[in-house]
N, C-alpha and C. Protein backbone atom coordinates (compact mmCIF):
# COMPACT_ATOMS: atom_id res chain seq x y z
N UNK A 1 -9.03 -4.68 -31.42
CA UNK A 1 -8.71 -5.78 -30.74
C UNK A 1 -7.57 -5.82 -29.95
N UNK A 2 -7.48 -6.26 -28.75
CA UNK A 2 -6.42 -5.94 -27.70
C UNK A 2 -5.54 -7.22 -28.06
N UNK A 3 -4.13 -7.19 -28.07
CA UNK A 3 -3.27 -8.19 -28.42
C UNK A 3 -3.03 -9.18 -27.14
N UNK A 4 -2.57 -10.27 -27.12
CA UNK A 4 -2.19 -10.85 -26.03
C UNK A 4 -0.83 -10.21 -25.30
N UNK A 5 -0.01 -9.65 -25.97
CA UNK A 5 1.16 -8.90 -25.44
C UNK A 5 0.65 -7.69 -24.69
N UNK A 6 -0.31 -6.89 -24.94
CA UNK A 6 -1.08 -5.98 -24.40
C UNK A 6 -1.65 -6.38 -22.99
N UNK A 7 -2.20 -7.48 -22.88
CA UNK A 7 -2.67 -8.09 -21.69
C UNK A 7 -1.89 -8.54 -20.93
N UNK A 8 -0.69 -9.21 -21.24
CA UNK A 8 0.36 -9.81 -20.61
C UNK A 8 1.02 -8.60 -19.87
N UNK A 9 1.27 -7.56 -20.63
CA UNK A 9 1.87 -6.30 -20.12
C UNK A 9 1.13 -5.78 -19.04
N UNK A 10 -0.16 -5.54 -19.17
CA UNK A 10 -0.94 -4.84 -18.11
C UNK A 10 -1.13 -5.81 -17.04
N UNK A 11 -0.98 -7.28 -17.22
CA UNK A 11 -0.99 -8.14 -15.89
C UNK A 11 0.25 -7.86 -15.07
N UNK A 12 1.52 -7.47 -15.85
CA UNK A 12 2.46 -7.73 -15.13
C UNK A 12 2.85 -6.34 -14.39
N UNK A 13 2.02 -5.17 -14.94
CA UNK A 13 2.14 -4.21 -14.33
C UNK A 13 1.21 -3.92 -13.27
N UNK A 14 -0.09 -4.50 -13.25
CA UNK A 14 -0.97 -4.34 -11.92
C UNK A 14 -1.03 -5.89 -11.13
N UNK A 15 -0.95 -6.84 -11.53
CA UNK A 15 -0.97 -7.96 -11.02
C UNK A 15 -2.45 -8.54 -11.14
N UNK A 16 -3.21 -8.16 -12.02
CA UNK A 16 -4.72 -8.19 -12.27
C UNK A 16 -4.70 -9.75 -13.24
N UNK A 17 -5.65 -10.49 -13.18
CA UNK A 17 -5.90 -11.66 -13.84
C UNK A 17 -6.12 -11.26 -15.13
N UNK A 18 -6.00 -12.55 -15.98
CA UNK A 18 -5.81 -12.30 -17.50
C UNK A 18 -7.04 -11.84 -17.88
N UNK A 19 -8.31 -12.28 -17.74
CA UNK A 19 -9.64 -11.73 -18.27
C UNK A 19 -9.96 -10.29 -17.48
N UNK A 20 -9.58 -10.05 -16.42
CA UNK A 20 -9.77 -8.62 -15.71
C UNK A 20 -8.91 -7.63 -16.67
N UNK A 21 -7.59 -7.92 -17.02
CA UNK A 21 -6.74 -7.17 -17.84
C UNK A 21 -7.40 -7.05 -19.13
N UNK A 22 -7.88 -8.06 -19.60
CA UNK A 22 -8.33 -8.16 -21.20
C UNK A 22 -9.80 -7.27 -21.25
N UNK A 23 -10.62 -7.30 -19.99
CA UNK A 23 -11.86 -6.52 -19.93
C UNK A 23 -11.55 -5.12 -19.95
N UNK A 24 -10.52 -4.70 -19.06
CA UNK A 24 -10.24 -3.39 -18.90
C UNK A 24 -9.64 -2.55 -20.09
N UNK A 25 -8.91 -3.60 -20.65
CA UNK A 25 -8.25 -2.85 -22.09
C UNK A 25 -9.29 -2.85 -23.10
N UNK A 26 -10.33 -3.72 -23.18
CA UNK A 26 -11.28 -3.62 -24.05
C UNK A 26 -12.26 -2.31 -23.66
N UNK A 27 -12.28 -2.20 -22.40
CA UNK A 27 -13.24 -1.06 -21.80
C UNK A 27 -12.78 0.26 -22.17
N UNK A 28 -11.41 0.25 -22.03
CA UNK A 28 -10.58 1.62 -22.35
C UNK A 28 -10.25 1.76 -23.60
N UNK A 29 -10.38 1.22 -24.60
CA UNK A 29 -10.29 0.99 -25.73
C UNK A 29 -8.76 0.98 -26.59
N UNK A 30 -7.88 -0.07 -25.48
CA UNK A 30 -6.60 -0.26 -25.72
C UNK A 30 -5.73 0.76 -24.95
N UNK A 31 -6.39 1.79 -24.38
CA UNK A 31 -5.41 2.69 -23.76
C UNK A 31 -4.84 2.23 -22.36
N UNK A 32 -3.43 2.02 -21.93
CA UNK A 32 -3.02 1.45 -20.98
C UNK A 32 -3.28 2.34 -19.72
N UNK A 33 -3.12 3.71 -20.00
CA UNK A 33 -3.45 4.14 -18.63
C UNK A 33 -4.81 4.29 -18.24
N UNK A 34 -5.84 4.26 -19.24
CA UNK A 34 -7.05 4.13 -18.82
C UNK A 34 -7.56 2.88 -18.12
N UNK A 35 -6.79 1.68 -18.81
CA UNK A 35 -6.94 0.43 -18.45
C UNK A 35 -6.53 0.15 -16.78
N UNK A 36 -5.39 0.79 -16.79
CA UNK A 36 -4.59 0.56 -15.24
C UNK A 36 -5.73 1.43 -14.32
N UNK A 37 -6.16 2.46 -14.56
CA UNK A 37 -7.17 3.31 -13.97
C UNK A 37 -8.30 2.53 -13.53
N UNK A 38 -8.95 2.02 -14.62
CA UNK A 38 -10.24 1.05 -14.41
C UNK A 38 -10.03 -0.07 -13.38
N UNK A 39 -8.67 -0.68 -13.71
CA UNK A 39 -8.42 -1.94 -12.83
C UNK A 39 -8.16 -1.38 -11.18
N UNK A 40 -7.64 -0.18 -11.00
CA UNK A 40 -7.20 0.39 -10.03
C UNK A 40 -8.79 0.70 -9.14
N UNK A 41 -9.88 1.31 -9.85
CA UNK A 41 -11.03 1.54 -9.12
C UNK A 41 -11.67 0.08 -8.86
N UNK A 42 -11.92 -0.72 -9.47
CA UNK A 42 -12.43 -2.00 -9.24
C UNK A 42 -11.70 -2.74 -8.17
N UNK A 43 -10.21 -2.51 -8.02
CA UNK A 43 -9.59 -3.05 -6.65
C UNK A 43 -9.84 -2.37 -5.60
N UNK A 44 -10.29 -1.16 -5.57
CA UNK A 44 -10.59 -0.04 -4.42
C UNK A 44 -11.90 -0.61 -3.97
N UNK A 45 -12.85 -0.92 -5.17
CA UNK A 45 -14.18 -1.38 -4.61
C UNK A 45 -14.16 -2.76 -4.03
N UNK A 46 -13.11 -3.70 -4.66
CA UNK A 46 -13.17 -5.12 -3.81
C UNK A 46 -12.67 -4.91 -2.72
N UNK A 47 -11.81 -3.89 -2.47
CA UNK A 47 -10.76 -3.75 -1.06
C UNK A 47 -11.94 -3.36 -0.21
N UNK A 48 -12.74 -2.46 -0.47
CA UNK A 48 -13.96 -2.00 0.47
C UNK A 48 -14.63 -3.22 0.93
N UNK A 49 -15.11 -4.27 0.20
CA UNK A 49 -15.79 -5.07 0.54
C UNK A 49 -15.09 -6.17 1.77
N UNK A 50 -13.75 -6.19 1.66
CA UNK A 50 -12.85 -7.02 2.36
C UNK A 50 -12.45 -6.40 3.59
N UNK A 51 -12.77 -5.28 3.80
CA UNK A 51 -12.41 -4.54 4.94
C UNK A 51 -12.77 -5.01 6.13
N UNK A 52 -13.85 -5.59 6.44
CA UNK A 52 -14.26 -6.41 7.56
C UNK A 52 -13.91 -7.71 7.86
N UNK A 53 -13.01 -8.25 6.97
CA UNK A 53 -12.28 -9.61 7.23
C UNK A 53 -11.23 -9.45 8.25
N UNK A 54 -11.05 -10.45 9.12
CA UNK A 54 -10.01 -10.62 10.18
C UNK A 54 -8.73 -10.75 9.50
N UNK A 55 -7.59 -10.07 10.07
CA UNK A 55 -6.29 -10.13 9.52
C UNK A 55 -5.51 -10.70 10.85
N UNK A 56 -5.16 -12.03 10.89
CA UNK A 56 -4.56 -12.54 11.85
C UNK A 56 -3.19 -13.22 11.43
N UNK A 57 -2.80 -13.01 10.44
CA UNK A 57 -1.44 -13.21 9.95
C UNK A 57 -0.62 -11.76 9.42
N UNK A 58 0.64 -12.03 9.08
CA UNK A 58 1.42 -10.96 8.55
C UNK A 58 2.96 -11.01 8.98
N UNK A 59 3.40 -9.81 9.39
CA UNK A 59 4.76 -9.70 9.55
C UNK A 59 5.29 -8.58 10.19
N UNK A 60 6.24 -8.18 11.01
CA UNK A 60 6.62 -7.00 11.50
C UNK A 60 8.09 -6.83 10.56
N UNK A 61 8.20 -5.49 10.12
CA UNK A 61 9.17 -5.20 9.47
C UNK A 61 9.97 -3.96 10.06
N UNK A 62 11.36 -4.33 9.93
CA UNK A 62 12.13 -3.13 10.61
C UNK A 62 12.97 -2.46 9.48
N UNK A 63 13.17 -1.07 9.92
CA UNK A 63 13.93 -0.36 8.79
C UNK A 63 14.91 0.62 9.39
N UNK A 64 16.05 0.31 9.32
CA UNK A 64 16.96 1.25 9.98
C UNK A 64 17.89 2.27 8.88
N UNK A 65 17.81 3.55 9.25
CA UNK A 65 18.30 4.58 8.38
C UNK A 65 19.55 5.26 8.98
N UNK A 66 20.41 6.05 8.21
CA UNK A 66 21.36 7.10 8.78
C UNK A 66 22.45 6.35 9.77
N UNK A 67 22.93 5.44 9.40
CA UNK A 67 23.80 4.47 9.82
C UNK A 67 23.42 4.27 11.31
N UNK A 68 21.97 3.88 11.52
CA UNK A 68 21.71 3.39 13.10
C UNK A 68 21.02 4.35 13.82
N UNK A 69 20.87 5.69 12.96
CA UNK A 69 20.25 6.97 13.95
C UNK A 69 18.60 6.84 13.91
N UNK A 70 18.12 6.25 12.90
CA UNK A 70 16.76 6.37 12.89
C UNK A 70 16.48 4.96 12.33
N UNK A 71 15.27 4.51 13.29
CA UNK A 71 14.81 3.46 12.96
C UNK A 71 13.12 3.25 12.98
N UNK A 72 12.57 2.22 12.22
CA UNK A 72 11.25 2.28 12.24
C UNK A 72 10.58 0.85 12.18
N UNK A 73 9.51 0.48 13.04
CA UNK A 73 9.12 -0.71 12.88
C UNK A 73 7.48 -0.69 12.56
N UNK A 74 7.10 -1.68 11.76
CA UNK A 74 5.67 -1.72 11.25
C UNK A 74 5.39 -3.22 11.23
N UNK A 75 3.99 -3.27 11.79
CA UNK A 75 3.24 -4.49 11.91
C UNK A 75 2.24 -4.35 10.87
N UNK A 76 2.55 -5.20 9.83
CA UNK A 76 1.62 -5.15 8.62
C UNK A 76 0.58 -6.84 8.57
N UNK A 77 -0.59 -6.62 8.51
CA UNK A 77 -1.49 -7.75 9.05
C UNK A 77 -2.12 -8.03 7.66
N UNK A 78 -2.32 -9.29 7.28
CA UNK A 78 -3.08 -9.81 6.14
C UNK A 78 -4.16 -11.16 6.55
N UNK A 79 -4.81 -11.52 5.82
CA UNK A 79 -5.71 -12.97 6.23
C UNK A 79 -4.95 -14.28 6.52
N UNK A 80 -3.73 -14.32 5.64
CA UNK A 80 -3.27 -15.67 5.41
C UNK A 80 -1.85 -15.60 5.52
N UNK A 81 -1.13 -16.71 5.98
CA UNK A 81 0.34 -16.66 5.95
C UNK A 81 0.93 -16.99 4.49
N UNK A 82 0.03 -17.48 3.74
CA UNK A 82 0.46 -17.67 2.28
C UNK A 82 0.66 -16.02 1.76
N UNK A 83 -0.05 -15.05 1.96
CA UNK A 83 0.03 -13.87 1.31
C UNK A 83 1.24 -13.13 2.22
N UNK A 84 1.15 -13.35 3.34
CA UNK A 84 2.29 -12.68 4.34
C UNK A 84 3.82 -13.18 3.65
N UNK A 85 3.77 -14.46 3.23
CA UNK A 85 5.08 -14.47 2.49
C UNK A 85 5.50 -14.25 0.95
N UNK A 86 4.35 -13.64 0.64
CA UNK A 86 4.78 -13.16 -1.00
C UNK A 86 5.79 -11.83 -0.92
N UNK A 87 6.26 -11.92 -2.20
CA UNK A 87 7.41 -10.78 -2.19
C UNK A 87 6.59 -9.32 -2.40
N UNK A 88 5.43 -9.38 -2.75
CA UNK A 88 4.51 -8.12 -2.74
C UNK A 88 4.32 -7.42 -1.68
N UNK A 89 3.92 -8.48 -0.59
CA UNK A 89 3.49 -8.25 0.91
C UNK A 89 4.87 -7.63 1.42
N UNK A 90 5.87 -8.30 1.30
CA UNK A 90 7.25 -7.93 2.02
C UNK A 90 7.66 -6.69 1.37
N UNK A 91 7.38 -6.59 0.37
CA UNK A 91 7.79 -5.24 -0.08
C UNK A 91 7.15 -4.10 0.21
N UNK A 92 5.86 -4.29 0.34
CA UNK A 92 4.81 -3.19 0.99
C UNK A 92 5.29 -2.90 2.52
N UNK A 93 5.62 -3.92 3.41
CA UNK A 93 5.88 -3.86 4.53
C UNK A 93 7.20 -3.02 4.58
N UNK A 94 8.22 -3.26 3.96
CA UNK A 94 9.54 -2.63 3.59
C UNK A 94 9.32 -1.15 3.43
N UNK A 95 8.46 -0.75 2.26
CA UNK A 95 8.15 0.36 1.75
C UNK A 95 7.50 1.33 2.99
N UNK A 96 6.65 0.69 3.86
CA UNK A 96 5.91 1.43 4.83
C UNK A 96 6.79 1.73 5.75
N UNK A 97 7.67 0.84 6.30
CA UNK A 97 8.82 1.08 7.40
C UNK A 97 9.61 2.14 7.08
N UNK A 98 9.98 2.13 5.66
CA UNK A 98 10.98 3.17 5.34
C UNK A 98 10.14 4.52 5.16
N UNK A 99 8.85 4.32 4.99
CA UNK A 99 7.87 5.76 4.96
C UNK A 99 8.04 6.56 6.43
N UNK A 100 7.75 5.69 7.33
CA UNK A 100 7.50 5.66 8.78
C UNK A 100 8.85 6.36 9.28
N UNK A 101 10.01 5.85 8.98
CA UNK A 101 11.39 6.33 9.23
C UNK A 101 11.50 7.85 8.45
N UNK A 102 11.21 7.94 7.03
CA UNK A 102 11.54 9.25 6.58
C UNK A 102 10.47 10.23 6.97
N UNK A 103 9.27 9.93 7.12
CA UNK A 103 8.31 11.02 7.14
C UNK A 103 7.52 11.36 8.68
N UNK A 104 8.00 10.42 9.63
CA UNK A 104 7.46 10.59 11.01
C UNK A 104 6.12 10.52 11.07
N UNK A 105 5.27 9.74 10.68
CA UNK A 105 3.90 10.04 10.65
C UNK A 105 3.64 10.11 12.29
N UNK A 106 2.34 11.11 12.72
CA UNK A 106 1.97 11.02 14.14
C UNK A 106 1.10 10.06 14.48
N UNK A 107 0.39 9.61 13.42
CA UNK A 107 -0.88 8.48 13.52
C UNK A 107 -1.33 7.84 12.24
N UNK A 108 -2.00 6.58 12.21
CA UNK A 108 -2.37 5.96 11.44
C UNK A 108 -3.40 6.66 10.37
N UNK A 109 -4.54 7.14 10.83
CA UNK A 109 -5.30 7.94 10.30
C UNK A 109 -5.56 9.39 10.54
N UNK A 110 -6.20 10.08 9.61
CA UNK A 110 -6.45 11.51 10.08
C UNK A 110 -7.19 11.66 11.16
N UNK A 111 -8.30 10.77 11.47
CA UNK A 111 -8.93 10.94 12.83
C UNK A 111 -8.25 10.68 14.07
N UNK A 112 -7.04 10.11 13.89
CA UNK A 112 -6.15 9.78 15.02
C UNK A 112 -4.95 10.95 15.21
N UNK A 113 -4.94 11.87 14.32
CA UNK A 113 -3.91 12.90 14.46
C UNK A 113 -4.00 13.93 15.54
N UNK A 114 -3.27 14.03 16.63
CA UNK A 114 -3.47 14.85 17.60
C UNK A 114 -3.73 16.39 17.26
N UNK A 115 -4.58 17.11 17.63
CA UNK A 115 -5.03 18.20 17.46
C UNK A 115 -3.69 19.45 17.40
N UNK A 116 -2.91 19.38 18.25
CA UNK A 116 -1.28 20.11 18.44
C UNK A 116 -0.52 19.54 17.33
N UNK A 117 -0.73 18.56 16.58
CA UNK A 117 0.57 18.48 15.57
C UNK A 117 0.59 19.44 14.53
N UNK A 118 1.88 19.70 14.45
CA UNK A 118 2.27 20.87 13.26
C UNK A 118 1.93 20.31 11.93
N UNK A 119 1.48 21.17 10.95
CA UNK A 119 1.29 20.93 9.44
C UNK A 119 -0.36 20.35 9.85
N UNK A 120 -0.80 19.80 8.46
CA UNK A 120 -1.97 19.39 8.40
C UNK A 120 -2.23 17.93 8.65
N UNK A 121 -3.29 17.62 9.04
CA UNK A 121 -3.68 16.06 9.73
C UNK A 121 -3.06 15.01 8.52
N UNK A 122 -3.47 15.46 7.39
CA UNK A 122 -3.11 14.61 6.21
C UNK A 122 -1.65 14.18 6.20
N UNK A 123 -0.98 15.34 6.27
CA UNK A 123 0.56 15.08 6.29
C UNK A 123 1.08 14.32 7.65
N UNK A 124 0.42 14.27 8.59
CA UNK A 124 0.54 13.65 9.90
C UNK A 124 0.02 12.42 9.99
N UNK A 125 -0.87 11.72 8.92
CA UNK A 125 -1.37 10.44 8.93
C UNK A 125 -0.80 9.72 8.06
N UNK A 126 -0.09 8.44 8.32
CA UNK A 126 0.51 7.76 7.65
C UNK A 126 -0.24 7.24 6.26
N UNK A 127 -1.50 6.96 6.35
CA UNK A 127 -2.39 6.41 5.20
C UNK A 127 -2.45 7.55 4.13
N UNK A 128 -2.49 8.67 4.71
CA UNK A 128 -2.73 10.01 3.60
C UNK A 128 -1.67 10.76 3.09
N UNK A 129 -0.35 10.17 3.73
CA UNK A 129 1.08 10.69 3.50
C UNK A 129 1.28 10.25 1.72
N UNK A 130 1.89 11.19 0.97
CA UNK A 130 2.34 11.01 -0.07
C UNK A 130 3.80 9.97 -0.05
N UNK A 131 3.64 8.85 -0.81
CA UNK A 131 4.63 8.01 -0.96
C UNK A 131 6.04 8.40 -1.10
N UNK A 132 7.21 8.22 -0.33
CA UNK A 132 8.35 9.01 -0.68
C UNK A 132 8.89 8.37 -1.71
N UNK A 133 8.69 7.26 -2.21
CA UNK A 133 9.16 6.76 -3.62
C UNK A 133 8.40 6.91 -5.17
N UNK A 134 7.10 7.67 -4.79
CA UNK A 134 6.12 8.03 -5.94
C UNK A 134 5.15 8.99 -5.27
N UNK A 135 5.28 10.27 -5.20
CA UNK A 135 4.46 11.38 -4.73
C UNK A 135 2.96 11.22 -5.36
N UNK A 136 2.78 10.52 -6.33
CA UNK A 136 1.45 10.64 -6.95
C UNK A 136 0.37 9.51 -6.09
N UNK A 137 1.25 8.81 -5.22
CA UNK A 137 0.43 7.60 -4.57
C UNK A 137 0.51 8.09 -2.88
N UNK A 138 -0.51 7.57 -2.27
CA UNK A 138 -0.41 7.77 -0.79
C UNK A 138 -0.02 6.29 -0.21
N UNK A 139 0.35 6.36 0.85
CA UNK A 139 0.27 4.98 1.53
C UNK A 139 -0.78 4.31 1.52
N UNK A 140 -1.80 4.48 1.66
CA UNK A 140 -3.14 4.29 1.72
C UNK A 140 -3.44 3.32 0.19
N UNK A 141 -2.97 4.33 -0.91
CA UNK A 141 -3.27 3.68 -2.28
C UNK A 141 -2.10 2.35 -2.31
N UNK A 142 -0.98 2.47 -1.63
CA UNK A 142 -0.38 1.30 -2.11
C UNK A 142 -0.91 -0.09 -1.30
N UNK A 143 -1.57 0.17 -0.08
CA UNK A 143 -2.02 -0.83 0.47
C UNK A 143 -3.34 -1.29 -0.29
N UNK A 144 -3.99 -0.46 -0.86
CA UNK A 144 -5.32 -0.79 -1.73
C UNK A 144 -4.59 -1.53 -2.86
N UNK A 145 -3.73 -1.22 -3.73
CA UNK A 145 -3.15 -1.88 -4.80
C UNK A 145 -2.87 -3.40 -4.39
N UNK A 146 -2.14 -3.49 -3.13
CA UNK A 146 -1.74 -4.89 -2.72
C UNK A 146 -3.07 -5.56 -2.28
N UNK A 147 -4.10 -5.07 -1.74
CA UNK A 147 -5.12 -5.67 -1.52
C UNK A 147 -6.05 -6.22 -3.11
N UNK A 148 -5.91 -5.44 -3.96
CA UNK A 148 -5.97 -5.76 -5.18
C UNK A 148 -5.70 -7.12 -5.81
N UNK A 149 -4.30 -6.94 -5.49
CA UNK A 149 -3.53 -8.07 -6.12
C UNK A 149 -3.81 -9.37 -5.40
N UNK A 150 -3.70 -9.43 -4.06
CA UNK A 150 -3.84 -10.36 -3.21
C UNK A 150 -5.10 -10.98 -3.13
N UNK A 151 -6.20 -10.01 -3.16
CA UNK A 151 -7.52 -10.50 -2.82
C UNK A 151 -7.90 -10.64 -1.34
N UNK A 152 -7.07 -10.24 -0.41
CA UNK A 152 -6.93 -10.27 0.82
C UNK A 152 -7.03 -8.82 1.54
N UNK A 153 -7.55 -9.24 2.70
CA UNK A 153 -7.59 -7.67 3.47
C UNK A 153 -6.29 -7.43 4.00
N UNK A 154 -5.61 -6.12 3.99
CA UNK A 154 -4.54 -5.98 4.35
C UNK A 154 -4.45 -4.56 5.27
N UNK A 155 -3.96 -4.66 6.60
CA UNK A 155 -4.01 -3.24 7.28
C UNK A 155 -2.73 -2.96 8.04
N UNK A 156 -2.38 -2.09 8.14
CA UNK A 156 -1.26 -1.34 9.28
C UNK A 156 -1.75 -1.71 10.67
N UNK A 157 -1.26 -2.58 11.20
CA UNK A 157 -1.84 -2.71 13.04
C UNK A 157 -1.24 -1.64 13.74
N UNK A 158 0.14 -1.45 13.68
CA UNK A 158 0.71 -0.45 14.30
C UNK A 158 2.16 -0.22 13.79
N UNK A 159 2.60 0.86 14.22
CA UNK A 159 3.97 1.35 13.61
C UNK A 159 4.50 2.18 14.81
N UNK A 160 5.88 2.29 14.73
CA UNK A 160 6.68 3.03 15.65
C UNK A 160 8.13 3.61 15.03
N UNK A 161 8.62 4.64 15.29
CA UNK A 161 9.45 5.29 14.80
C UNK A 161 10.61 5.78 15.67
N UNK A 162 11.79 5.68 15.63
CA UNK A 162 12.68 5.65 17.01
C UNK A 162 13.94 6.53 16.19
N UNK A 163 14.39 7.69 16.80
CA UNK A 163 15.53 8.44 16.58
C UNK A 163 16.43 8.67 17.59
N UNK A 164 17.88 8.42 17.32
CA UNK A 164 18.68 8.70 18.47
C UNK A 164 18.68 10.06 19.05
N UNK A 165 18.31 10.17 20.29
CA UNK A 165 18.48 11.38 21.05
C UNK A 165 16.89 11.91 20.87
N UNK A 166 16.10 11.28 20.28
CA UNK A 166 14.46 11.80 20.17
C UNK A 166 13.92 11.59 21.40
N UNK A 167 12.62 12.02 21.23
CA UNK A 167 11.69 11.46 22.31
C UNK A 167 10.76 10.49 22.33
């Protein structure tokens, strides 16, 4: 039997609903890691269903680093202005802007990476780059996690990186 404290802890860690957290823990036999993975897989499946929904709201986030020598701007879109104002969405936008400043991606997706880009296409595509704060996740994973939490389609519309003296 799964305790209410276990369900509460899983909810806090994943943002899942009460019944979803309970079902995942039951299915995982009480294992938090397995339950987290179950919720993640379900979130990815739900995110795929939402991918074609319009994203007309969102925010532009700027991040400045190295005493003003490097900066990045990201336009992150979602379906409603309610989600755009949540702390989770704002943090996601901030994290993506920080990623752009630190890792200088050349394109959003692997398919858009120029053929002459140094390194692999995955290293040069924002969505497939390892997240600078947690190398076990990609930027695409972060977005999928937020989609699972909010129930809305979220996408990076565009981004830009600036470096003093850069091209």
